[in-house]
Amino acid sequence: MKNQHINPVEPYLRMDRMPHIWCPGCGIGIVVNCFVRALNQSGIDPDLVSIISGIGCTGRIAGYLKLDSFHTTHGRPIPFATGLKVARPELKVLVFSGEGDLVSIGGNHLIHAARRNSDIKVFCVNNFTYAMTGGQVGPTAPIHSIATTTPYGSYDRPFNLPFLADSTGAVYVARWTTYHVRQLTRSMVEAINKPGFCFVEIIAPCPTIYQRRNRLGDGLEAMRYYKRYSRVINGANTRMVGLELKGPIIVGKFIDRDRSTLLEAMNEEFSSKLGARYQPYPTGVVR
């Protein structure tokens, strides 16, 4: 008799587009699995979810999710997401992209969306390289790491992404690796349900480019490394969670605070000045 069991993630995926294009051992597939399970646990109507992505390996996530999605230009998913949230405040607007897209060419958008506390959720898959375009050095590449554009080792100090998001105003900041599937899923649920700009960094292996060039083994070896060298420190000072080429990985939920979202702040400002003449803009936030 044919097995009638359906994987619980399948209703959220465009199965007609499988198999996916990601390399064997790539961590992005794990991220997708965690996300669709988080979406299922959150109880949100999928028709009210919109996925925004940029260019790069992680940007392909939008094409595999059976949800309304926008595959935008390089470095621009956050402004697209901000505009969509303003136009349709009832939607849950989620951004999936890589560190090169979000933090290098898109870095200015990231810091200002966090500063404004735009009510969007950003899931950044950090594999330390521009994997889709040949393996150039990226903004999070650890010092001494090898890339096509740094064949003798990177000498630029990398961004500490949790500290960047924290210091610019994000209300929720967490970091997990693709080994920490349960914790990552839980963080995604929390971020989805929390009003304001939420940032979750996901450390993921790139065995084809980054792992190979830096002689760090395959995808399985990366998972063993994450298991052995990760340290869970919830509430850690984000200044102290920077990453090294072969050092410990501090993971956990670092920031969880409340402040007015972009649209709430606009309502507060104009209501105080105009009183009853001002009709509050819908925010989509239920507190």
C-alpha atoms as a PDB file:
ATOM      1  CA  MET A   1       0.000   0.000   0.000  1.00  0.00           C
ATOM      2  CA  LYS A   2       1.348   3.437  -0.938  1.00  0.00           C
ATOM      3  CA  ASN A   3       2.512   5.517   2.007  1.00  0.00           C
ATOM      4  CA  GLN A   4       0.058   8.401   2.416  1.00  0.00           C
ATOM      5  CA  HIS A   5       2.219  10.296   4.932  1.00  0.00           C
ATOM      6  CA  ILE A   6       3.013  13.846   3.868  1.00  0.00           C
ATOM      7  CA  ASN A   7       5.964  15.705   5.291  1.00  0.00           C
ATOM      8  CA  PRO A   8       4.544  18.660   7.282  1.00  0.00           C
ATOM      9  CA  VAL A   9       6.809  21.100   5.437  1.00  0.00           C
ATOM     10  CA  GLU A  10       5.514  20.175   1.973  1.00  0.00           C
ATOM     11  CA  PRO A  11       2.376  22.363   2.010  1.00  0.00           C
ATOM     12  CA  TYR A  12       4.647  25.409   2.316  1.00  0.00           C
ATOM     13  CA  LEU A  13       6.993  24.417  -0.527  1.00  0.00           C
ATOM     14  CA  ARG A  14       6.748  24.519  -4.314  1.00  0.00           C
ATOM     15  CA  MET A  15       7.441  20.819  -4.724  1.00  0.00           C
ATOM     16  CA  ASP A  16       7.237  21.119  -8.505  1.00  0.00           C
ATOM     17  CA  ARG A  17      10.502  23.073  -8.362  1.00  0.00           C
ATOM     18  CA  MET A  18      12.377  20.329  -6.555  1.00  0.00           C
ATOM     19  CA  PRO A  19      15.141  19.271  -6.522  1.00  0.00           C
ATOM     20  CA  HIS A  20      16.573  22.625  -5.439  1.00  0.00           C
ATOM     21  CA  ILE A  21      19.761  24.200  -6.770  1.00  0.00           C
ATOM     22  CA  TRP A  22      21.725  24.348  -3.507  1.00  0.00           C
ATOM     23  CA  CYS A  23      24.928  22.323  -3.235  1.00  0.00           C
ATOM     24  CA  PRO A  24      25.193  19.121  -1.196  1.00  0.00           C
ATOM     25  CA  GLY A  25      25.986  20.038   2.396  1.00  0.00           C
ATOM     26  CA  CYS A  26      24.760  23.622   2.060  1.00  0.00           C
ATOM     27  CA  GLY A  27      22.978  24.858   5.177  1.00  0.00           C
ATOM     28  CA  ILE A  28      20.225  26.805   3.401  1.00  0.00           C
ATOM     29  CA  GLY A  29      17.965  23.765   3.109  1.00  0.00           C
ATOM     30  CA  ILE A  30      18.053  23.381   6.900  1.00  0.00           C
ATOM     31  CA  VAL A  31      17.103  27.059   7.248  1.00  0.00           C
ATOM     32  CA  VAL A  32      14.089  26.546   4.976  1.00  0.00           C
ATOM     33  CA  ASN A  33      13.018  23.498   6.981  1.00  0.00           C
ATOM     34  CA  CYS A  34      13.271  25.423  10.258  1.00  0.00           C
ATOM     35  CA  PHE A  35      11.368  28.357   8.831  1.00  0.00           C
ATOM     36  CA  VAL A  36       8.373  26.450   7.501  1.00  0.00           C
ATOM     37  CA  ARG A  37       8.093  24.596  10.811  1.00  0.00           C
ATOM     38  CA  ALA A  38       8.247  27.946  12.621  1.00  0.00           C
ATOM     39  CA  LEU A  39       5.572  29.355  10.347  1.00  0.00           C
ATOM     40  CA  ASN A  40       3.389  26.335  11.043  1.00  0.00           C
ATOM     41  CA  GLN A  41       3.900  26.702  14.804  1.00  0.00           C
ATOM     42  CA  SER A  42       3.165  30.430  14.749  1.00  0.00           C
ATOM     43  CA  GLY A  43      -0.398  29.783  13.562  1.00  0.00           C
ATOM     44  CA  ILE A  44      -0.292  32.658  11.078  1.00  0.00           C
ATOM     45  CA  ASP A  45      -2.466  32.487   7.966  1.00  0.00           C
ATOM     46  CA  PRO A  46       0.003  31.823   5.091  1.00  0.00           C
ATOM     47  CA  ASP A  47      -2.064  34.167   2.923  1.00  0.00           C
ATOM     48  CA  LEU A  48      -0.930  37.003   5.198  1.00  0.00           C
ATOM     49  CA  VAL A  49       2.776  36.193   4.858  1.00  0.00           C
ATOM     50  CA  SER A  50       5.075  37.773   2.296  1.00  0.00           C
ATOM     51  CA  ILE A  51       8.676  36.714   1.704  1.00  0.00           C
ATOM     52  CA  ILE A  52      11.175  39.227   0.335  1.00  0.00           C
ATOM     53  CA  SER A  53      14.627  38.182  -0.833  1.00  0.00           C
ATOM     54  CA  GLY A  54      17.599  39.640  -2.638  1.00  0.00           C
ATOM     55  CA  ILE A  55      20.312  38.173  -4.843  1.00  0.00           C
ATOM     56  CA  GLY A  56      22.509  35.235  -3.877  1.00  0.00           C
ATOM     57  CA  CYS A  57      22.187  31.629  -2.798  1.00  0.00           C
ATOM     58  CA  THR A  58      19.904  32.493   0.121  1.00  0.00           C
ATOM     59  CA  GLY A  59      17.852  34.773  -2.098  1.00  0.00           C
ATOM     60  CA  ARG A  60      16.616  31.682  -3.913  1.00  0.00           C
ATOM     61  CA  ILE A  61      14.563  30.734  -0.851  1.00  0.00           C
ATOM     62  CA  ALA A  62      11.675  32.911  -2.026  1.00  0.00           C
ATOM     63  CA  GLY A  63      11.316  30.827  -5.171  1.00  0.00           C
ATOM     64  CA  TYR A  64      10.816  27.581  -3.269  1.00  0.00           C
ATOM     65  CA  LEU A  65       8.249  28.769  -0.740  1.00  0.00           C
ATOM     66  CA  LYS A  66       4.569  28.460  -1.633  1.00  0.00           C
ATOM     67  CA  LEU A  67       3.908  31.949  -0.295  1.00  0.00           C
ATOM     68  CA  ASP A  68       3.573  35.401  -1.804  1.00  0.00           C
ATOM     69  CA  SER A  69       7.143  36.432  -2.507  1.00  0.00           C
ATOM     70  CA  PHE A  70       9.306  39.060  -4.152  1.00  0.00           C
ATOM     71  CA  HIS A  71      12.764  38.287  -5.495  1.00  0.00           C
ATOM     72  CA  THR A  72      14.222  41.789  -5.547  1.00  0.00           C
ATOM     73  CA  THR A  73      17.360  43.505  -6.764  1.00  0.00           C
ATOM     74  CA  HIS A  74      20.770  43.054  -5.132  1.00  0.00           C
ATOM     75  CA  GLY A  75      20.931  44.630  -1.677  1.00  0.00           C
ATOM     76  CA  ARG A  76      17.366  45.942  -1.779  1.00  0.00           C
ATOM     77  CA  PRO A  77      15.080  43.425  -0.011  1.00  0.00           C
ATOM     78  CA  ILE A  78      14.783  45.567   3.134  1.00  0.00           C
ATOM     79  CA  PRO A  79      13.486  48.737   1.412  1.00  0.00           C
ATOM     80  CA  PHE A  80      11.077  46.589  -0.621  1.00  0.00           C
ATOM     81  CA  ALA A  81       9.914  44.973   2.622  1.00  0.00           C
ATOM     82  CA  THR A  82       9.561  48.324   4.384  1.00  0.00           C
ATOM     83  CA  GLY A  83       7.422  49.686   1.569  1.00  0.00           C
ATOM     84  CA  LEU A  84       5.224  46.615   1.511  1.00  0.00           C
ATOM     85  CA  LYS A  85       4.681  46.764   5.274  1.00  0.00           C
ATOM     86  CA  VAL A  86       3.649  50.429   5.062  1.00  0.00           C
ATOM     87  CA  ALA A  87       1.267  49.724   2.193  1.00  0.00           C
ATOM     88  CA  ARG A  88      -0.131  46.499   3.675  1.00  0.00           C
ATOM     89  CA  PRO A  89       0.365  46.696   7.464  1.00  0.00           C
ATOM     90  CA  GLU A  90      -1.757  43.598   8.073  1.00  0.00           C
ATOM     91  CA  LEU A  91       0.887  41.404   6.401  1.00  0.00           C
ATOM     92  CA  LYS A  92       3.757  39.583   8.078  1.00  0.00           C
ATOM     93  CA  VAL A  93       6.705  40.748   5.994  1.00  0.00           C
ATOM     94  CA  LEU A  94       9.799  38.546   6.234  1.00  0.00           C
ATOM     95  CA  VAL A  95      13.188  39.011   4.594  1.00  0.00           C
ATOM     96  CA  PHE A  96      15.500  36.126   3.692  1.00  0.00           C
ATOM     97  CA  SER A  97      18.920  36.842   2.262  1.00  0.00           C
ATOM     98  CA  GLY A  98      22.639  36.369   2.754  1.00  0.00           C
ATOM     99  CA  GLU A  99      25.200  38.515   4.516  1.00  0.00           C
ATOM    100  CA  GLY A 100      26.618  39.897   1.275  1.00  0.00           C
ATOM    101  CA  ASP A 101      23.228  41.075   0.066  1.00  0.00           C
ATOM    102  CA  LEU A 102      22.005  42.437   3.408  1.00  0.00           C
ATOM    103  CA  VAL A 103      25.170  43.800   4.988  1.00  0.00           C
ATOM    104  CA  SER A 104      27.477  44.779   2.127  1.00  0.00           C
ATOM    105  CA  ILE A 105      25.565  46.395  -0.730  1.00  0.00           C
ATOM    106  CA  GLY A 106      22.425  46.501   1.437  1.00  0.00           C
ATOM    107  CA  GLY A 107      24.068  47.603   4.680  1.00  0.00           C
ATOM    108  CA  ASN A 108      22.704  51.153   4.618  1.00  0.00           C
ATOM    109  CA  HIS A 109      19.149  49.829   4.327  1.00  0.00           C
ATOM    110  CA  LEU A 110      19.720  47.427   7.217  1.00  0.00           C
ATOM    111  CA  ILE A 111      20.907  50.039   9.694  1.00  0.00           C
ATOM    112  CA  HIS A 112      18.151  52.523   8.868  1.00  0.00           C
ATOM    113  CA  ALA A 113      15.359  49.939   8.985  1.00  0.00           C
ATOM    114  CA  ALA A 114      16.624  48.928  12.437  1.00  0.00           C
ATOM    115  CA  ARG A 115      16.888  52.590  13.480  1.00  0.00           C
ATOM    116  CA  ARG A 116      13.300  53.248  12.391  1.00  0.00           C
ATOM    117  CA  ASN A 117      12.119  49.945  13.875  1.00  0.00           C
ATOM    118  CA  SER A 118      10.318  48.924  10.717  1.00  0.00           C
ATOM    119  CA  ASP A 119       8.019  46.023  11.555  1.00  0.00           C
ATOM    120  CA  ILE A 120       9.842  43.482   9.397  1.00  0.00           C
ATOM    121  CA  LYS A 121      11.735  40.290  10.256  1.00  0.00           C
ATOM    122  CA  VAL A 122      15.172  39.728   8.738  1.00  0.00           C
ATOM    123  CA  PHE A 123      16.686  36.250   8.584  1.00  0.00           C
ATOM    124  CA  CYS A 124      20.311  36.520   7.482  1.00  0.00           C
ATOM    125  CA  VAL A 125      22.080  33.334   6.394  1.00  0.00           C
ATOM    126  CA  ASN A 126      25.788  33.966   6.963  1.00  0.00           C
ATOM    127  CA  ASN A 127      28.137  31.632   5.098  1.00  0.00           C
ATOM    128  CA  PHE A 128      31.028  34.145   4.994  1.00  0.00           C
ATOM    129  CA  THR A 129      31.333  34.369   1.207  1.00  0.00           C
ATOM    130  CA  TYR A 130      29.689  35.447  -2.035  1.00  0.00           C
ATOM    131  CA  ALA A 131      29.090  31.837  -2.967  1.00  0.00           C
ATOM    132  CA  MET A 132      26.877  32.314  -6.032  1.00  0.00           C
ATOM    133  CA  THR A 133      29.297  34.641  -7.825  1.00  0.00           C
ATOM    134  CA  GLY A 134      32.558  32.788  -7.308  1.00  0.00           C
ATOM    135  CA  GLY A 135      33.568  33.137  -3.668  1.00  0.00           C
ATOM    136  CA  GLN A 136      34.687  36.742  -3.248  1.00  0.00           C
ATOM    137  CA  VAL A 137      35.455  38.002   0.260  1.00  0.00           C
ATOM    138  CA  GLY A 138      32.357  39.220   2.098  1.00  0.00           C
ATOM    139  CA  PRO A 139      31.674  41.672   4.929  1.00  0.00           C
ATOM    140  CA  THR A 140      31.611  38.936   7.589  1.00  0.00           C
ATOM    141  CA  ALA A 141      34.591  36.897   6.367  1.00  0.00           C
ATOM    142  CA  PRO A 142      36.908  36.262   9.342  1.00  0.00           C
ATOM    143  CA  ILE A 143      40.420  37.661   9.299  1.00  0.00           C
ATOM    144  CA  HIS A 144      42.878  35.253   7.568  1.00  0.00           C
ATOM    145  CA  SER A 145      40.090  33.486   5.618  1.00  0.00           C
ATOM    146  CA  ILE A 146      40.775  32.695   1.971  1.00  0.00           C
ATOM    147  CA  ALA A 147      38.551  33.936  -0.868  1.00  0.00           C
ATOM    148  CA  THR A 148      39.013  34.513  -4.600  1.00  0.00           C
ATOM    149  CA  THR A 149      39.675  38.195  -3.922  1.00  0.00           C
ATOM    150  CA  THR A 150      41.874  37.534  -0.862  1.00  0.00           C
ATOM    151  CA  PRO A 151      44.041  34.586  -1.932  1.00  0.00           C
ATOM    152  CA  TYR A 152      46.555  35.302   0.854  1.00  0.00           C
ATOM    153  CA  GLY A 153      43.911  35.798   3.523  1.00  0.00           C
ATOM    154  CA  SER A 154      41.440  38.497   4.458  1.00  0.00           C
ATOM    155  CA  TYR A 155      42.842  41.406   6.459  1.00  0.00           C
ATOM    156  CA  ASP A 156      39.634  43.494   6.846  1.00  0.00           C
ATOM    157  CA  ARG A 157      37.934  43.365  10.231  1.00  0.00           C
ATOM    158  CA  PRO A 158      34.542  41.669   9.694  1.00  0.00           C
ATOM    159  CA  PHE A 159      31.159  42.905  10.846  1.00  0.00           C
ATOM    160  CA  ASN A 160      29.796  41.486  14.085  1.00  0.00           C
ATOM    161  CA  LEU A 161      26.192  41.201  12.864  1.00  0.00           C
ATOM    162  CA  PRO A 162      24.372  40.886  16.215  1.00  0.00           C
ATOM    163  CA  PHE A 163      26.233  43.967  17.501  1.00  0.00           C
ATOM    164  CA  LEU A 164      25.426  45.864  14.293  1.00  0.00           C
ATOM    165  CA  ALA A 165      21.710  45.056  14.582  1.00  0.00           C
ATOM    166  CA  ASP A 166      21.644  45.757  18.328  1.00  0.00           C
ATOM    167  CA  SER A 167      23.464  49.089  18.148  1.00  0.00           C
ATOM    168  CA  THR A 168      21.248  50.396  15.352  1.00  0.00           C
ATOM    169  CA  GLY A 169      17.999  49.652  17.167  1.00  0.00           C
ATOM    170  CA  ALA A 170      16.694  46.144  16.454  1.00  0.00           C
ATOM    171  CA  VAL A 171      14.224  44.972  19.116  1.00  0.00           C
ATOM    172  CA  TYR A 172      15.048  41.283  18.722  1.00  0.00           C
ATOM    173  CA  VAL A 173      18.499  39.893  17.907  1.00  0.00           C
ATOM    174  CA  ALA A 174      19.548  36.247  17.918  1.00  0.00           C
ATOM    175  CA  ARG A 175      22.167  34.003  16.364  1.00  0.00           C
ATOM    176  CA  TRP A 176      22.115  30.254  15.813  1.00  0.00           C
ATOM    177  CA  THR A 177      23.888  27.793  13.565  1.00  0.00           C
ATOM    178  CA  THR A 178      22.276  25.226  11.309  1.00  0.00           C
ATOM    179  CA  TYR A 179      23.154  22.629  13.945  1.00  0.00           C
ATOM    180  CA  HIS A 180      20.758  24.296  16.407  1.00  0.00           C
ATOM    181  CA  VAL A 181      17.556  23.468  14.565  1.00  0.00           C
ATOM    182  CA  ARG A 182      15.180  23.543  17.531  1.00  0.00           C
ATOM    183  CA  GLN A 183      16.574  26.772  18.930  1.00  0.00           C
ATOM    184  CA  LEU A 184      16.559  28.386  15.493  1.00  0.00           C
ATOM    185  CA  THR A 185      12.948  27.369  14.901  1.00  0.00           C
ATOM    186  CA  ARG A 186      11.955  28.798  18.277  1.00  0.00           C
ATOM    187  CA  SER A 187      13.772  32.078  17.536  1.00  0.00           C
ATOM    188  CA  MET A 188      12.000  32.346  14.201  1.00  0.00           C
ATOM    189  CA  VAL A 189       8.623  31.917  15.921  1.00  0.00           C
ATOM    190  CA  GLU A 190       9.540  34.626  18.441  1.00  0.00           C
ATOM    191  CA  ALA A 191      10.738  36.999  15.735  1.00  0.00           C
ATOM    192  CA  ILE A 192       7.651  36.449  13.579  1.00  0.00           C
ATOM    193  CA  ASN A 193       5.350  37.247  16.505  1.00  0.00           C
ATOM    194  CA  LYS A 194       7.274  40.234  17.895  1.00  0.00           C
ATOM    195  CA  PRO A 195       6.393  43.765  16.685  1.00  0.00           C
ATOM    196  CA  GLY A 196       9.325  45.699  15.300  1.00  0.00           C
ATOM    197  CA  PHE A 197      12.598  45.077  13.494  1.00  0.00           C
ATOM    198  CA  CYS A 198      13.832  41.579  14.324  1.00  0.00           C
ATOM    199  CA  PHE A 199      17.169  40.177  13.171  1.00  0.00           C
ATOM    200  CA  VAL A 200      18.220  36.534  13.291  1.00  0.00           C
ATOM    201  CA  GLU A 201      21.667  35.537  12.046  1.00  0.00           C
ATOM    202  CA  ILE A 202      22.086  31.912  10.960  1.00  0.00           C
ATOM    203  CA  ILE A 203      25.627  30.561  10.613  1.00  0.00           C
ATOM    204  CA  ALA A 204      25.536  28.069   7.740  1.00  0.00           C
ATOM    205  CA  PRO A 205      28.177  25.995   5.930  1.00  0.00           C
ATOM    206  CA  CYS A 206      29.217  26.586   2.333  1.00  0.00           C
ATOM    207  CA  PRO A 207      31.213  23.421   1.588  1.00  0.00           C
ATOM    208  CA  THR A 208      31.653  24.122  -2.135  1.00  0.00           C
ATOM    209  CA  ILE A 209      33.350  27.503  -1.748  1.00  0.00           C
ATOM    210  CA  TYR A 210      34.146  28.709   1.767  1.00  0.00           C
ATOM    211  CA  GLN A 211      34.775  25.381   3.518  1.00  0.00           C
ATOM    212  CA  ARG A 212      36.868  23.999   0.660  1.00  0.00           C
ATOM    213  CA  ARG A 213      39.051  27.073   0.172  1.00  0.00           C
ATOM    214  CA  ASN A 214      39.730  27.363   3.882  1.00  0.00           C
ATOM    215  CA  ARG A 215      40.288  23.627   4.354  1.00  0.00           C
ATOM    216  CA  LEU A 216      37.484  23.342   6.878  1.00  0.00           C
ATOM    217  CA  GLY A 217      36.049  20.087   5.583  1.00  0.00           C
ATOM    218  CA  ASP A 218      32.660  19.326   4.100  1.00  0.00           C
ATOM    219  CA  GLY A 219      29.175  20.195   5.318  1.00  0.00           C
ATOM    220  CA  LEU A 220      29.148  17.372   7.858  1.00  0.00           C
ATOM    221  CA  GLU A 221      32.476  18.505   9.281  1.00  0.00           C
ATOM    222  CA  ALA A 222      31.036  22.012   9.634  1.00  0.00           C
ATOM    223  CA  MET A 223      28.121  20.644  11.646  1.00  0.00           C
ATOM    224  CA  ARG A 224      30.533  18.794  13.919  1.00  0.00           C
ATOM    225  CA  TYR A 225      32.416  22.054  14.401  1.00  0.00           C
ATOM    226  CA  TYR A 226      29.198  23.927  15.264  1.00  0.00           C
ATOM    227  CA  LYS A 227      28.308  21.247  17.792  1.00  0.00           C
ATOM    228  CA  ARG A 228      31.723  21.253  19.431  1.00  0.00           C
ATOM    229  CA  TYR A 229      32.566  24.948  19.467  1.00  0.00           C
ATOM    230  CA  SER A 230      29.212  26.709  19.890  1.00  0.00           C
ATOM    231  CA  ARG A 231      28.507  28.287  23.269  1.00  0.00           C
ATOM    232  CA  VAL A 232      24.911  29.186  24.143  1.00  0.00           C
ATOM    233  CA  ILE A 233      24.903  32.476  26.058  1.00  0.00           C
ATOM    234  CA  ASN A 234      21.449  34.033  26.057  1.00  0.00           C
ATOM    235  CA  GLY A 235      21.584  37.746  26.796  1.00  0.00           C
ATOM    236  CA  ALA A 236      25.263  37.981  25.884  1.00  0.00           C
ATOM    237  CA  ASN A 237      26.772  41.419  25.295  1.00  0.00           C
ATOM    238  CA  THR A 238      26.661  41.681  21.510  1.00  0.00           C
ATOM    239  CA  ARG A 239      30.012  43.511  21.485  1.00  0.00           C
ATOM    240  CA  MET A 240      31.574  40.246  22.588  1.00  0.00           C
ATOM    241  CA  VAL A 241      30.113  37.796  20.064  1.00  0.00           C
ATOM    242  CA  GLY A 242      32.352  38.490  17.048  1.00  0.00           C
ATOM    243  CA  LEU A 243      33.573  35.482  15.066  1.00  0.00           C
ATOM    244  CA  GLU A 244      37.037  34.228  14.207  1.00  0.00           C
ATOM    245  CA  LEU A 245      38.154  31.796  11.524  1.00  0.00           C
ATOM    246  CA  LYS A 246      38.609  28.889  13.950  1.00  0.00           C
ATOM    247  CA  GLY A 247      37.257  30.218  17.203  1.00  0.00           C
ATOM    248  CA  PRO A 248      34.202  29.661  19.394  1.00  0.00           C
ATOM    249  CA  ILE A 249      30.738  30.607  18.129  1.00  0.00           C
ATOM    250  CA  ILE A 250      28.580  32.441  20.676  1.00  0.00           C
ATOM    251  CA  VAL A 251      24.925  31.700  19.945  1.00  0.00           C
ATOM    252  CA  GLY A 252      21.672  32.537  21.670  1.00  0.00           C
ATOM    253  CA  LYS A 253      18.960  35.147  21.999  1.00  0.00           C
ATOM    254  CA  PHE A 254      20.847  38.339  22.742  1.00  0.00           C
ATOM    255  CA  ILE A 255      18.245  41.124  22.577  1.00  0.00           C
ATOM    256  CA  ASP A 256      14.486  41.136  23.285  1.00  0.00           C
ATOM    257  CA  ARG A 257      13.092  44.599  24.051  1.00  0.00           C
ATOM    258  CA  ASP A 258      10.111  46.748  23.174  1.00  0.00           C
ATOM    259  CA  ARG A 259       9.776  50.145  21.541  1.00  0.00           C
ATOM    260  CA  SER A 260       7.375  51.817  19.131  1.00  0.00           C
ATOM    261  CA  THR A 261       7.446  50.527  15.570  1.00  0.00           C
ATOM    262  CA  LEU A 262       7.868  52.893  12.624  1.00  0.00           C
ATOM    263  CA  LEU A 263       4.116  53.271  12.073  1.00  0.00           C
ATOM    264  CA  GLU A 264       3.324  53.463  15.789  1.00  0.00           C
ATOM    265  CA  ALA A 265       5.886  56.250  16.205  1.00  0.00           C
ATOM    266  CA  MET A 266       4.298  58.140  13.302  1.00  0.00           C
ATOM    267  CA  ASN A 267       0.856  57.811  14.907  1.00  0.00           C
ATOM    268  CA  GLU A 268       2.178  58.946  18.293  1.00  0.00           C
ATOM    269  CA  GLU A 269       3.847  62.013  16.785  1.00  0.00           C
ATOM    270  CA  PHE A 270       0.939  63.218  14.697  1.00  0.00           C
ATOM    271  CA  SER A 271      -1.725  62.353  17.270  1.00  0.00           C
ATOM    272  CA  SER A 272       0.069  64.512  19.829  1.00  0.00           C
ATOM    273  CA  LYS A 273       0.209  67.429  17.390  1.00  0.00           C
ATOM    274  CA  LEU A 274      -3.116  67.160  15.586  1.00  0.00           C
ATOM    275  CA  GLY A 275      -5.316  65.511  18.201  1.00  0.00           C
ATOM    276  CA  ALA A 276      -8.728  64.326  16.988  1.00  0.00           C
ATOM    277  CA  ARG A 277      -8.063  65.703  13.515  1.00  0.00           C
ATOM    278  CA  TYR A 278      -5.540  62.922  12.935  1.00  0.00           C
ATOM    279  CA  GLN A 279      -6.796  59.537  11.812  1.00  0.00           C
ATOM    280  CA  PRO A 280      -4.239  56.958  13.020  1.00  0.00           C
ATOM    281  CA  TYR A 281      -2.546  54.925  10.308  1.00  0.00           C
ATOM    282  CA  PRO A 282      -3.195  51.169  10.674  1.00  0.00           C
ATOM    283  CA  THR A 283      -0.102  49.418  11.994  1.00  0.00           C
ATOM    284  CA  GLY A 284      -1.103  45.765  11.828  1.00  0.00           C
ATOM    285  CA  VAL A 285       0.448  45.301  15.282  1.00  0.00           C
ATOM    286  CA  VAL A 286      -1.580  43.500  17.948  1.00  0.00           C
ATOM    287  CA  ARG A 287      -0.181  44.059  21.443  1.00  0.00           C
END
